N, C-alpha and C. Protein backbone atom coordinates (compact mmCIF):
# COMPACT_ATOMS: atom_id res chain seq x y z
N MET A 1 118.80 98.86 86.88
CA MET A 1 119.60 100.02 86.86
C MET A 1 119.45 100.77 88.14
N GLU A 2 120.55 101.42 88.59
CA GLU A 2 120.59 102.09 89.71
C GLU A 2 120.05 103.50 89.41
N GLU A 3 119.36 104.13 90.44
CA GLU A 3 118.81 105.44 90.28
C GLU A 3 119.91 106.44 89.92
N SER A 4 121.00 106.40 90.51
CA SER A 4 122.15 107.28 90.20
C SER A 4 122.63 107.17 88.80
N MET A 5 122.62 105.99 88.16
CA MET A 5 123.01 105.74 86.81
C MET A 5 121.96 106.44 85.87
N ILE A 6 120.68 106.20 86.24
CA ILE A 6 119.61 106.84 85.43
C ILE A 6 119.74 108.38 85.43
N ARG A 7 119.91 108.91 86.70
CA ARG A 7 120.07 110.37 86.84
C ARG A 7 121.26 110.94 86.00
N GLN A 8 122.34 110.23 86.05
CA GLN A 8 123.49 110.74 85.36
C GLN A 8 123.35 110.60 83.84
N ALA A 9 122.88 109.49 83.38
CA ALA A 9 122.78 109.24 81.93
C ALA A 9 121.76 110.18 81.33
N LEU A 10 120.69 110.49 82.03
CA LEU A 10 119.69 111.35 81.47
C LEU A 10 119.79 112.80 81.90
N GLN A 11 120.85 113.07 82.67
CA GLN A 11 121.07 114.43 83.21
C GLN A 11 119.84 115.02 83.91
N LEU A 12 119.28 114.22 84.78
CA LEU A 12 118.06 114.60 85.51
C LEU A 12 118.38 115.56 86.61
N GLN A 13 117.45 116.54 86.79
CA GLN A 13 117.53 117.54 87.88
C GLN A 13 116.70 117.04 89.00
N GLU A 14 116.91 117.48 90.18
CA GLU A 14 116.16 117.24 91.32
C GLU A 14 114.75 117.85 91.16
N ILE A 15 113.74 117.06 91.50
CA ILE A 15 112.37 117.54 91.31
C ILE A 15 111.59 117.40 92.62
N ASP A 16 110.51 118.16 92.72
CA ASP A 16 109.62 118.09 93.87
C ASP A 16 108.45 117.23 93.41
N VAL A 17 108.46 115.93 93.68
CA VAL A 17 107.45 115.00 93.24
C VAL A 17 106.10 115.49 93.74
N HIS A 18 105.96 116.12 94.87
CA HIS A 18 104.74 116.54 95.42
C HIS A 18 104.06 117.66 94.62
N SER A 19 104.84 118.25 93.69
CA SER A 19 104.33 119.29 92.84
C SER A 19 103.63 118.74 91.64
N TYR A 20 103.74 117.47 91.37
CA TYR A 20 103.12 116.83 90.22
C TYR A 20 101.72 116.48 90.49
N SER A 21 100.88 116.49 89.51
CA SER A 21 99.44 116.10 89.59
C SER A 21 99.39 114.59 89.71
N PRO A 22 98.37 114.07 90.33
CA PRO A 22 98.23 112.60 90.39
C PRO A 22 98.16 111.92 88.97
N LEU A 23 97.69 112.67 88.00
CA LEU A 23 97.62 112.08 86.68
C LEU A 23 98.99 112.07 86.05
N ALA A 24 99.83 113.08 86.41
CA ALA A 24 101.27 113.00 85.87
C ALA A 24 102.00 111.86 86.56
N LEU A 25 101.73 111.64 87.88
CA LEU A 25 102.36 110.49 88.43
C LEU A 25 101.94 109.20 87.85
N ALA A 26 100.63 109.10 87.57
CA ALA A 26 100.05 107.92 86.92
C ALA A 26 100.64 107.67 85.52
N TYR A 27 101.03 108.71 84.84
CA TYR A 27 101.61 108.68 83.52
C TYR A 27 102.87 107.91 83.54
N ILE A 28 103.80 108.21 84.47
CA ILE A 28 105.06 107.46 84.58
C ILE A 28 104.83 106.15 85.25
N GLY A 29 103.86 106.09 86.20
CA GLY A 29 103.64 104.83 86.92
C GLY A 29 103.11 103.80 86.01
N ASP A 30 102.30 104.19 84.94
CA ASP A 30 101.78 103.26 84.01
C ASP A 30 102.92 102.59 83.26
N ALA A 31 103.92 103.37 82.92
CA ALA A 31 104.97 102.80 82.19
C ALA A 31 105.94 101.88 82.98
N VAL A 32 106.18 102.28 84.21
CA VAL A 32 106.99 101.56 85.17
C VAL A 32 106.24 100.20 85.48
N TYR A 33 105.00 100.26 85.73
CA TYR A 33 104.28 99.01 85.99
C TYR A 33 104.25 98.12 84.83
N GLU A 34 104.13 98.64 83.59
CA GLU A 34 104.13 97.82 82.44
C GLU A 34 105.51 97.17 82.24
N VAL A 35 106.57 97.92 82.42
CA VAL A 35 107.94 97.31 82.35
C VAL A 35 108.14 96.19 83.29
N LEU A 36 107.63 96.37 84.59
CA LEU A 36 107.78 95.34 85.59
C LEU A 36 107.02 94.02 85.12
N ILE A 37 105.78 94.25 84.67
CA ILE A 37 104.99 93.13 84.26
C ILE A 37 105.55 92.45 83.03
N ARG A 38 105.98 93.22 82.08
CA ARG A 38 106.67 92.59 80.82
C ARG A 38 107.89 91.82 81.26
N THR A 39 108.65 92.34 82.23
CA THR A 39 109.80 91.63 82.74
C THR A 39 109.53 90.33 83.33
N LYS A 40 108.45 90.32 84.08
CA LYS A 40 107.93 89.11 84.70
C LYS A 40 107.49 88.06 83.66
N VAL A 41 106.71 88.57 82.68
CA VAL A 41 106.20 87.64 81.59
C VAL A 41 107.33 87.12 80.81
N MET A 42 108.33 87.94 80.47
CA MET A 42 109.48 87.48 79.64
C MET A 42 110.30 86.37 80.37
N ASN A 43 110.26 86.48 81.68
CA ASN A 43 111.00 85.50 82.49
C ASN A 43 110.43 84.17 82.54
N GLN A 44 109.17 84.08 82.04
CA GLN A 44 108.46 82.71 81.99
C GLN A 44 108.95 81.92 80.87
N GLY A 45 109.77 82.45 80.00
CA GLY A 45 110.34 81.65 78.93
C GLY A 45 110.11 82.25 77.56
N ASN A 46 110.84 81.86 76.64
CA ASN A 46 110.71 82.36 75.27
C ASN A 46 109.47 81.87 74.67
N MET A 47 108.65 82.76 74.10
CA MET A 47 107.41 82.32 73.43
C MET A 47 107.05 83.35 72.41
N GLN A 48 106.05 83.05 71.65
CA GLN A 48 105.66 83.97 70.53
C GLN A 48 105.27 85.36 71.18
N VAL A 49 105.52 86.36 70.42
CA VAL A 49 105.29 87.75 70.93
C VAL A 49 103.86 87.94 71.21
N ASN A 50 102.98 87.36 70.37
CA ASN A 50 101.50 87.58 70.69
C ASN A 50 101.07 86.91 71.92
N LYS A 51 101.75 85.85 72.37
CA LYS A 51 101.50 85.23 73.65
C LYS A 51 102.00 86.12 74.83
N LEU A 52 103.20 86.62 74.58
CA LEU A 52 103.77 87.55 75.64
C LEU A 52 102.87 88.74 75.77
N HIS A 53 102.36 89.32 74.66
CA HIS A 53 101.43 90.42 74.75
C HIS A 53 100.16 90.04 75.47
N LYS A 54 99.55 88.99 75.14
CA LYS A 54 98.25 88.53 75.75
C LYS A 54 98.44 88.45 77.32
N LYS A 55 99.51 87.77 77.70
CA LYS A 55 99.77 87.61 79.15
C LYS A 55 100.03 88.97 79.81
N SER A 56 100.84 89.75 79.16
CA SER A 56 101.15 91.13 79.78
C SER A 56 99.85 91.95 79.86
N THR A 57 99.07 91.94 78.78
CA THR A 57 97.85 92.68 78.73
C THR A 57 96.86 92.27 79.84
N SER A 58 96.80 91.03 80.09
CA SER A 58 95.91 90.52 81.11
C SER A 58 96.25 91.07 82.47
N LEU A 59 97.51 91.40 82.74
CA LEU A 59 97.92 91.95 83.96
C LEU A 59 98.07 93.44 84.08
N VAL A 60 98.06 94.02 82.97
CA VAL A 60 98.27 95.50 82.84
C VAL A 60 96.85 96.23 82.68
N LYS A 61 95.88 95.58 82.28
CA LYS A 61 94.53 96.18 82.01
C LYS A 61 93.95 96.69 83.39
N ALA A 62 93.08 97.67 83.24
CA ALA A 62 92.48 98.35 84.38
C ALA A 62 91.84 97.32 85.42
N GLN A 63 91.26 96.39 84.89
CA GLN A 63 90.51 95.34 85.83
C GLN A 63 91.52 94.67 86.67
N ALA A 64 92.66 94.24 86.05
CA ALA A 64 93.70 93.60 86.89
C ALA A 64 94.38 94.55 87.85
N GLN A 65 94.62 95.74 87.43
CA GLN A 65 95.22 96.65 88.40
C GLN A 65 94.34 97.06 89.47
N ALA A 66 93.03 97.14 89.18
CA ALA A 66 92.03 97.40 90.32
C ALA A 66 91.93 96.17 91.26
N GLU A 67 92.09 95.01 90.73
CA GLU A 67 92.15 93.80 91.62
C GLU A 67 93.35 93.90 92.53
N MET A 68 94.44 94.25 91.92
CA MET A 68 95.76 94.26 92.67
C MET A 68 95.65 95.28 93.77
N ILE A 69 95.12 96.46 93.52
CA ILE A 69 95.09 97.49 94.58
C ILE A 69 94.08 97.14 95.69
N ARG A 70 93.03 96.47 95.27
CA ARG A 70 92.08 95.96 96.31
C ARG A 70 92.81 94.97 97.30
N LEU A 71 93.65 94.16 96.71
CA LEU A 71 94.31 93.16 97.52
C LEU A 71 95.44 93.84 98.35
N LEU A 72 95.91 94.93 97.97
CA LEU A 72 97.07 95.64 98.59
C LEU A 72 96.64 96.72 99.61
N LEU A 73 95.38 97.12 99.58
CA LEU A 73 95.01 98.29 100.44
C LEU A 73 95.45 98.19 101.93
N GLU A 74 95.25 96.99 102.41
CA GLU A 74 95.58 96.79 103.89
C GLU A 74 97.08 97.00 104.06
N GLU A 75 97.93 96.72 103.13
CA GLU A 75 99.41 96.81 103.26
C GLU A 75 99.93 98.25 103.20
N LEU A 76 99.17 99.17 102.57
CA LEU A 76 99.62 100.48 102.29
C LEU A 76 99.80 101.28 103.57
N THR A 77 100.79 102.11 103.62
CA THR A 77 100.94 103.11 104.78
C THR A 77 99.89 104.15 104.58
N GLU A 78 99.66 104.93 105.65
CA GLU A 78 98.64 106.02 105.47
C GLU A 78 99.04 107.03 104.39
N ASP A 79 100.30 107.34 104.19
CA ASP A 79 100.75 108.22 103.17
C ASP A 79 100.47 107.56 101.78
N GLU A 80 100.75 106.32 101.65
CA GLU A 80 100.46 105.61 100.38
C GLU A 80 99.00 105.63 100.04
N LYS A 81 98.22 105.33 101.10
CA LYS A 81 96.68 105.43 100.90
C LYS A 81 96.25 106.73 100.36
N ILE A 82 96.78 107.75 100.94
CA ILE A 82 96.44 109.15 100.49
C ILE A 82 96.83 109.35 99.10
N LEU A 83 97.97 108.93 98.73
CA LEU A 83 98.49 109.14 97.34
C LEU A 83 97.63 108.33 96.40
N TYR A 84 97.34 107.06 96.76
CA TYR A 84 96.48 106.26 95.96
C TYR A 84 95.08 106.95 95.74
N LYS A 85 94.53 107.44 96.80
CA LYS A 85 93.23 108.06 96.67
C LYS A 85 93.25 109.32 95.84
N ARG A 86 94.30 110.06 95.91
CA ARG A 86 94.50 111.25 95.06
C ARG A 86 94.45 110.84 93.59
N GLY A 87 95.17 109.79 93.24
CA GLY A 87 95.18 109.26 91.88
C GLY A 87 93.79 108.68 91.50
N ARG A 88 93.21 108.01 92.39
CA ARG A 88 91.85 107.39 92.08
C ARG A 88 90.87 108.48 91.86
N ASN A 89 90.86 109.55 92.59
CA ASN A 89 89.91 110.61 92.53
C ASN A 89 90.18 111.64 91.51
N ALA A 90 91.32 111.58 90.80
CA ALA A 90 91.66 112.51 89.80
C ALA A 90 90.71 112.41 88.60
N LYS A 91 90.29 113.48 88.05
CA LYS A 91 89.41 113.38 86.92
C LYS A 91 90.15 113.45 85.61
N SER A 92 90.12 112.27 84.97
CA SER A 92 90.80 112.15 83.74
C SER A 92 89.81 112.42 82.51
N VAL A 93 90.37 112.95 81.45
CA VAL A 93 89.46 113.22 80.28
C VAL A 93 89.19 111.91 79.48
N THR A 94 90.10 110.98 79.59
CA THR A 94 89.89 109.72 78.89
C THR A 94 89.57 108.52 79.80
N MET A 95 89.14 107.45 79.18
CA MET A 95 88.93 106.22 80.00
C MET A 95 89.20 105.03 79.10
N ALA A 96 89.67 103.94 79.63
CA ALA A 96 90.00 102.73 78.91
C ALA A 96 88.70 102.21 78.29
N LYS A 97 88.86 101.61 77.16
CA LYS A 97 87.69 101.14 76.40
C LYS A 97 86.91 100.06 77.04
N HIS A 98 87.57 99.07 77.69
CA HIS A 98 86.99 97.90 78.23
C HIS A 98 87.01 97.85 79.68
N ALA A 99 86.91 99.00 80.34
CA ALA A 99 86.96 99.03 81.78
C ALA A 99 85.72 99.79 82.39
N THR A 100 85.34 99.39 83.58
CA THR A 100 84.36 100.14 84.23
C THR A 100 85.02 101.45 84.80
N MET A 101 84.21 102.46 85.07
CA MET A 101 84.78 103.69 85.54
C MET A 101 85.50 103.43 86.92
N GLN A 102 84.89 102.58 87.76
CA GLN A 102 85.48 102.29 89.10
C GLN A 102 86.82 101.59 88.93
N ASP A 103 86.88 100.62 88.06
CA ASP A 103 88.16 99.91 87.83
C ASP A 103 89.19 100.90 87.22
N TYR A 104 88.80 101.73 86.28
CA TYR A 104 89.74 102.66 85.64
C TYR A 104 90.34 103.59 86.69
N ARG A 105 89.48 104.14 87.50
CA ARG A 105 89.88 105.06 88.58
C ARG A 105 90.82 104.40 89.58
N MET A 106 90.46 103.16 90.03
CA MET A 106 91.33 102.42 90.99
C MET A 106 92.69 102.11 90.30
N ALA A 107 92.68 101.75 89.00
CA ALA A 107 93.92 101.54 88.29
C ALA A 107 94.76 102.86 88.16
N THR A 108 94.13 103.95 87.99
CA THR A 108 94.85 105.19 87.95
C THR A 108 95.45 105.52 89.28
N GLY A 109 94.79 105.21 90.38
CA GLY A 109 95.37 105.40 91.69
C GLY A 109 96.53 104.53 91.91
N LEU A 110 96.43 103.25 91.51
CA LEU A 110 97.69 102.40 91.63
C LEU A 110 98.77 102.89 90.83
N GLU A 111 98.50 103.36 89.63
CA GLU A 111 99.61 103.88 88.71
C GLU A 111 100.17 105.15 89.37
N ALA A 112 99.41 106.06 90.02
CA ALA A 112 99.95 107.21 90.64
C ALA A 112 100.87 106.81 91.81
N LEU A 113 100.48 105.77 92.60
CA LEU A 113 101.37 105.30 93.64
C LEU A 113 102.58 104.75 93.09
N VAL A 114 102.57 103.93 92.08
CA VAL A 114 103.73 103.39 91.39
C VAL A 114 104.61 104.45 90.96
N GLY A 115 104.06 105.43 90.29
CA GLY A 115 104.91 106.62 89.80
C GLY A 115 105.51 107.37 90.93
N TYR A 116 104.85 107.58 92.00
CA TYR A 116 105.34 108.31 93.14
C TYR A 116 106.53 107.49 93.74
N LEU A 117 106.33 106.18 93.97
CA LEU A 117 107.43 105.39 94.56
C LEU A 117 108.65 105.31 93.68
N TYR A 118 108.41 105.28 92.37
CA TYR A 118 109.51 105.21 91.36
C TYR A 118 110.31 106.55 91.37
N LEU A 119 109.59 107.66 91.30
CA LEU A 119 110.22 108.93 91.27
C LEU A 119 110.91 109.35 92.57
N THR A 120 110.44 108.86 93.64
CA THR A 120 111.07 109.15 94.93
C THR A 120 112.17 108.12 95.28
N GLY A 121 112.48 107.15 94.39
CA GLY A 121 113.58 106.27 94.52
C GLY A 121 113.26 105.15 95.55
N ARG A 122 111.98 104.95 95.86
CA ARG A 122 111.56 103.92 96.80
C ARG A 122 111.24 102.66 96.05
N HIS A 123 112.32 102.17 95.32
CA HIS A 123 112.17 101.02 94.48
C HIS A 123 111.92 99.74 95.29
N ASP A 124 112.58 99.63 96.45
CA ASP A 124 112.31 98.45 97.32
C ASP A 124 110.84 98.31 97.70
N ARG A 125 110.24 99.44 98.09
CA ARG A 125 108.87 99.42 98.48
C ARG A 125 107.96 99.12 97.24
N LEU A 126 108.28 99.77 96.12
CA LEU A 126 107.53 99.57 94.93
C LEU A 126 107.52 98.01 94.51
N LEU A 127 108.73 97.43 94.51
CA LEU A 127 108.88 96.01 94.20
C LEU A 127 108.12 95.09 95.16
N THR A 128 108.20 95.44 96.50
CA THR A 128 107.53 94.69 97.49
C THR A 128 106.06 94.69 97.22
N LEU A 129 105.47 95.89 96.99
CA LEU A 129 104.03 95.95 96.65
C LEU A 129 103.66 95.20 95.43
N ILE A 130 104.40 95.32 94.36
CA ILE A 130 104.06 94.59 93.12
C ILE A 130 104.18 92.99 93.35
N HIS A 131 105.19 92.69 94.05
CA HIS A 131 105.33 91.27 94.37
C HIS A 131 104.21 90.72 95.16
N ASP A 132 103.85 91.42 96.20
CA ASP A 132 102.72 90.98 97.07
C ASP A 132 101.41 90.99 96.31
N GLY A 133 101.17 91.91 95.44
CA GLY A 133 99.98 92.02 94.63
C GLY A 133 99.90 90.88 93.66
N LEU A 134 101.04 90.60 92.99
CA LEU A 134 101.07 89.46 92.04
C LEU A 134 100.85 88.14 92.77
N GLN A 135 101.36 87.99 93.92
CA GLN A 135 101.26 86.77 94.70
C GLN A 135 99.91 86.57 95.11
N LYS A 136 99.26 87.65 95.66
CA LYS A 136 97.87 87.50 96.09
C LYS A 136 96.91 87.24 94.89
N MET A 137 97.29 87.66 93.62
CA MET A 137 96.57 87.38 92.45
C MET A 137 96.76 86.02 91.98
N GLY A 138 97.68 85.29 92.54
CA GLY A 138 98.04 83.95 92.12
C GLY A 138 98.83 83.93 90.87
N GLU A 139 99.69 85.09 90.65
CA GLU A 139 100.50 85.12 89.50
C GLU A 139 101.93 84.79 89.70
N LEU A 140 102.29 84.45 90.97
CA LEU A 140 103.67 84.01 91.26
C LEU A 140 103.61 82.52 91.72
N GLU A 141 104.56 81.80 91.21
CA GLU A 141 104.64 80.40 91.65
C GLU A 141 105.09 80.21 93.07
């Protein structure tokens, strides 16, 4: 979907993305990242929903997101690194059940970056980073 189509259909107003907290950016980034991963998993062929879920979960969990951002850090621009660190350092009230604090914070940083790139319409950059991360993780053929 094109950004203009989304804006029109949902009657979205212009926003100042910089006014949002890193955790708010991570909130939308989490959803965007999951849709991208589910899209990739669905593309691997029709299979039982529980198998789709297991594969998606393995790539969406905090540990996998932390691994991805570790592999991508060198590729980030200075502004992207700052945004990632803001998300990583944000103090969240909750934490994932099966994640270390370090992995959870790194995952939150990645999600904040994803949310920022999505909301600013930098979809090409977002997709490049996700592609490169999945490739470095050995998840792309």
